Protein backbone atom coordinates (compact mmCIF):
# COMPACT_ATOMS: atom_id res chain seq x y z
CA UNK A 1 -0.14 -0.15 0.07
CA UNK A 2 1.24 3.67 -0.98
CA UNK A 3 1.31 6.62 1.47
CA UNK A 4 -0.11 9.59 -0.11
CA UNK A 5 1.30 12.67 1.27
CA UNK A 6 -1.28 16.03 2.09
CA UNK A 7 0.68 19.05 2.01
CA UNK A 8 -1.00 21.58 4.43
CA UNK A 9 -0.67 25.01 4.22
CA UNK A 10 0.14 26.76 6.95
CA UNK A 11 -0.74 30.46 5.62
CA UNK A 12 -3.37 30.54 3.16
CA UNK A 13 -2.50 34.16 2.26
CA UNK A 14 -2.30 34.68 -1.79
CA UNK A 15 0.06 37.85 -1.68
CA UNK A 16 2.93 39.55 -0.69
CA UNK A 17 1.35 42.89 -0.11
CA UNK A 18 -1.46 44.69 -0.92
CA UNK A 19 -0.02 46.57 -3.59
CA UNK A 20 0.14 42.90 -5.90
CA UNK A 21 -3.47 42.12 -4.44
CA UNK A 22 -4.58 45.27 -5.83
CA UNK A 23 -2.65 45.50 -9.28
CA UNK A 24 -3.96 41.47 -9.49
CA UNK A 25 -7.53 42.39 -8.68
CA UNK A 26 -8.04 45.60 -11.22
CA UNK A 27 -6.06 43.51 -14.14
CA UNK A 28 -7.65 40.59 -13.73
CA UNK A 29 -9.93 40.52 -17.16
CA UNK A 30 -13.30 39.68 -16.72
CA UNK A 31 -13.05 38.74 -20.46
CA UNK A 32 -11.79 35.48 -19.99
CA UNK A 33 -13.73 32.36 -21.91
CA UNK A 34 -13.80 28.79 -20.13
CA UNK A 35 -11.10 26.59 -21.75
CA UNK A 36 -12.13 23.44 -23.58
CA UNK A 37 -10.23 20.24 -22.08
CA UNK A 38 -8.46 19.30 -25.16
CA UNK A 39 -7.04 23.23 -24.71
CA UNK A 40 -6.56 22.65 -20.93
CA UNK A 41 -4.67 19.05 -21.51
CA UNK A 42 -2.50 21.02 -24.52
CA UNK A 43 -1.48 24.62 -22.38
CA UNK A 44 0.41 21.98 -19.40
CA UNK A 45 0.96 23.82 -16.29
CA UNK A 46 0.76 27.57 -15.77
CA UNK A 47 0.21 30.10 -12.88
CA UNK A 48 1.90 30.26 -9.85
CA UNK A 49 -0.14 27.52 -8.16
CA UNK A 50 -2.16 29.83 -6.27
CA UNK A 51 -5.74 29.27 -8.20
CA UNK A 52 -5.71 32.56 -9.56
CA UNK A 53 -6.64 32.00 -12.97
CA UNK A 54 -10.78 31.04 -14.21
CA UNK A 55 -13.48 31.64 -11.87
CA UNK A 56 -11.18 31.24 -8.81
CA UNK A 57 -9.34 34.02 -9.88
CA UNK A 58 -12.45 36.37 -10.91
CA UNK A 59 -13.79 35.49 -7.73
CA UNK A 60 -10.43 36.36 -5.78
CA UNK A 61 -10.49 39.87 -7.64
CA UNK A 62 -13.98 40.19 -6.65
CA UNK A 63 -13.64 40.12 -2.85
CA UNK A 64 -10.29 42.31 -3.43
CA UNK A 65 -12.49 44.97 -4.76
CA UNK A 66 -15.01 44.41 -2.72
CA UNK A 67 -12.56 45.60 0.15
CA UNK A 68 -12.82 49.03 -1.06
CA UNK A 69 -16.01 49.55 -0.23
CA UNK A 70 -15.00 49.65 3.22
CA UNK A 71 -13.15 53.09 2.58
CA UNK A 72 -14.50 56.53 2.28
CA UNK A 73 -15.12 57.79 -1.63
CA UNK A 74 -12.57 59.61 -1.83
CA UNK A 75 -10.06 56.81 -1.14
CA UNK A 76 -12.15 54.31 -3.08
CA UNK A 77 -11.18 56.87 -5.63
CA UNK A 78 -7.67 57.68 -5.41
CA UNK A 79 -6.74 53.45 -5.27
CA UNK A 80 -8.88 53.10 -8.34
CA UNK A 81 -7.26 55.88 -10.57
CA UNK A 82 -3.72 54.17 -9.25
CA UNK A 83 -4.17 51.24 -10.07
CA UNK A 84 -6.99 50.89 -13.00
CA UNK A 85 -5.74 51.41 -16.55
CA UNK A 86 -6.40 54.90 -17.93
CA UNK A 87 -8.41 53.31 -20.49
CA UNK A 88 -10.76 51.74 -17.97
CA UNK A 89 -13.76 53.89 -17.31
CA UNK A 90 -12.99 53.67 -13.89
CA UNK A 91 -10.08 55.29 -14.20
CA UNK A 92 -12.07 58.44 -15.52
CA UNK A 93 -14.78 58.01 -12.64
CA UNK A 94 -12.44 57.98 -10.10
CA UNK A 95 -10.61 61.22 -11.45
CA UNK A 96 -13.63 63.44 -11.38
CA UNK A 97 -14.53 61.89 -8.49
CA UNK A 98 -11.22 63.00 -7.00
CA UNK A 99 -11.35 66.51 -8.96
CA UNK A 100 -14.36 67.23 -7.24
CA UNK A 101 -13.30 66.23 -3.94
CA UNK A 102 -12.96 69.81 -2.10
CA UNK A 103 -9.75 69.10 0.31
CA UNK A 104 -7.62 69.07 -2.80
CA UNK A 105 -8.04 71.90 -4.78
CA UNK A 106 -5.95 75.13 -3.32
CA UNK A 107 -8.15 78.29 -2.67
CA UNK A 108 -9.42 80.36 -5.24
CA UNK A 109 -9.41 77.19 -8.21
CA UNK A 110 -12.88 76.99 -9.25
CA UNK A 111 -11.40 75.13 -12.77
CA UNK A 112 -12.93 72.02 -13.10
CA UNK A 113 -11.27 71.10 -16.25
CA UNK A 114 -7.22 72.07 -14.57
CA UNK A 115 -8.86 70.23 -11.48
CA UNK A 116 -9.57 67.12 -13.77
CA UNK A 117 -6.24 67.65 -16.25
CA UNK A 118 -4.29 67.45 -12.88
CA UNK A 119 -5.66 64.90 -10.71
CA UNK A 120 -5.46 62.75 -14.15
CA UNK A 121 -1.92 64.10 -14.62
CA UNK A 122 -0.85 62.67 -10.58
CA UNK A 123 -2.21 59.17 -11.57
CA UNK A 124 0.27 58.87 -14.57
CA UNK A 125 -1.79 60.37 -17.73
CA UNK A 126 0.16 62.61 -19.79
CA UNK A 127 -0.67 66.36 -19.13
CA UNK A 128 0.72 69.29 -20.56
CA UNK A 129 0.72 72.07 -18.51
CA UNK A 130 0.90 75.01 -20.67
CA UNK A 131 -2.02 73.29 -22.50
CA UNK A 132 -3.97 73.32 -19.55
CA UNK A 133 -3.43 77.03 -18.87
CA UNK A 134 -4.06 78.31 -22.61
CA UNK A 135 -7.85 76.20 -22.40
CA UNK A 136 -8.45 78.15 -19.19
CA UNK A 137 -6.90 81.61 -19.92
CA UNK A 138 -4.78 81.41 -16.84
CA UNK A 139 -0.51 81.72 -16.79
CA UNK A 140 1.20 78.74 -16.82
CA UNK A 141 2.98 79.60 -13.50
CA UNK A 142 -0.50 79.30 -12.08
CA UNK A 143 -1.34 75.91 -13.47
CA UNK A 144 1.95 74.56 -11.90
CA UNK A 145 1.90 76.37 -8.84
CA UNK A 146 -1.84 74.71 -8.38
CA UNK A 147 -0.20 71.09 -9.51
CA UNK A 148 2.19 71.20 -6.42
CA UNK A 149 -0.55 71.99 -4.34
CA UNK A 150 -3.00 69.46 -5.63
CA UNK A 151 0.19 66.47 -5.78
CA UNK A 152 0.84 67.34 -2.03
CA UNK A 153 -2.56 66.58 -1.24
CA UNK A 154 -3.73 63.92 -2.88
CA UNK A 155 -0.01 62.27 -1.88
CA UNK A 156 -1.38 62.59 1.57
CA UNK A 157 -4.94 60.61 0.43
CA UNK A 158 -3.51 58.23 -1.46
CA UNK A 159 -1.15 57.16 1.36
CA UNK A 160 -3.91 57.03 3.91
CA UNK A 161 -6.19 54.98 1.42
CA UNK A 162 -3.24 52.51 0.83
CA UNK A 163 -2.52 52.23 4.78
CA UNK A 164 -6.08 51.72 5.37
CA UNK A 165 -7.04 49.01 2.33
CA UNK A 166 -3.79 47.47 3.94
CA UNK A 167 -4.28 47.03 7.16
CA UNK A 168 -7.87 45.33 6.16
CA UNK A 169 -6.23 42.91 4.03
CA UNK A 170 -3.32 42.18 6.59
CA UNK A 171 -6.28 41.40 8.86
CA UNK A 172 -8.17 39.52 6.71
CA UNK A 173 -4.77 37.34 5.84
CA UNK A 174 -5.16 38.07 1.96
CA UNK A 175 -1.27 39.59 2.00
CA UNK A 176 1.94 39.24 4.19
CA UNK A 177 2.89 42.21 4.94
CA UNK A 178 1.50 45.82 4.85
């Protein structure tokens, strides 16, 4: 009689950090189709062995994104804008929500287009400050000053949002470290 060995997983955590978990959740494609049996046999082994493909991956992605609901709308938007692709509608929705947040705008900045452009720039969208200044009819230096203030305020908001979501993931044993 042959003895079988059971592998006991002492630590069920799937991700090394909150960054890895969020990146996975936002980049997981919802447009995946189930493979045929023949396709599964031909592909061989794939993945990390963590079961994060197919329906399991979709479920894990959904659970991670569901954790964002525990954050304030501002913090949800900051995380979404950081991790969603620029072409994703979630990115622009998050940028729009953040641009409407009163705490990010310096005193006297009331032009919505400028706020949207500067928030999008902070999250990696290519924005020319000179073009923004020309569109809204102010000096380029003014837009540059507003950009610095908004960047500092978004740094604080994003840092707080990341720490909060990392604490939630750590408490639920999804990640190894915050």
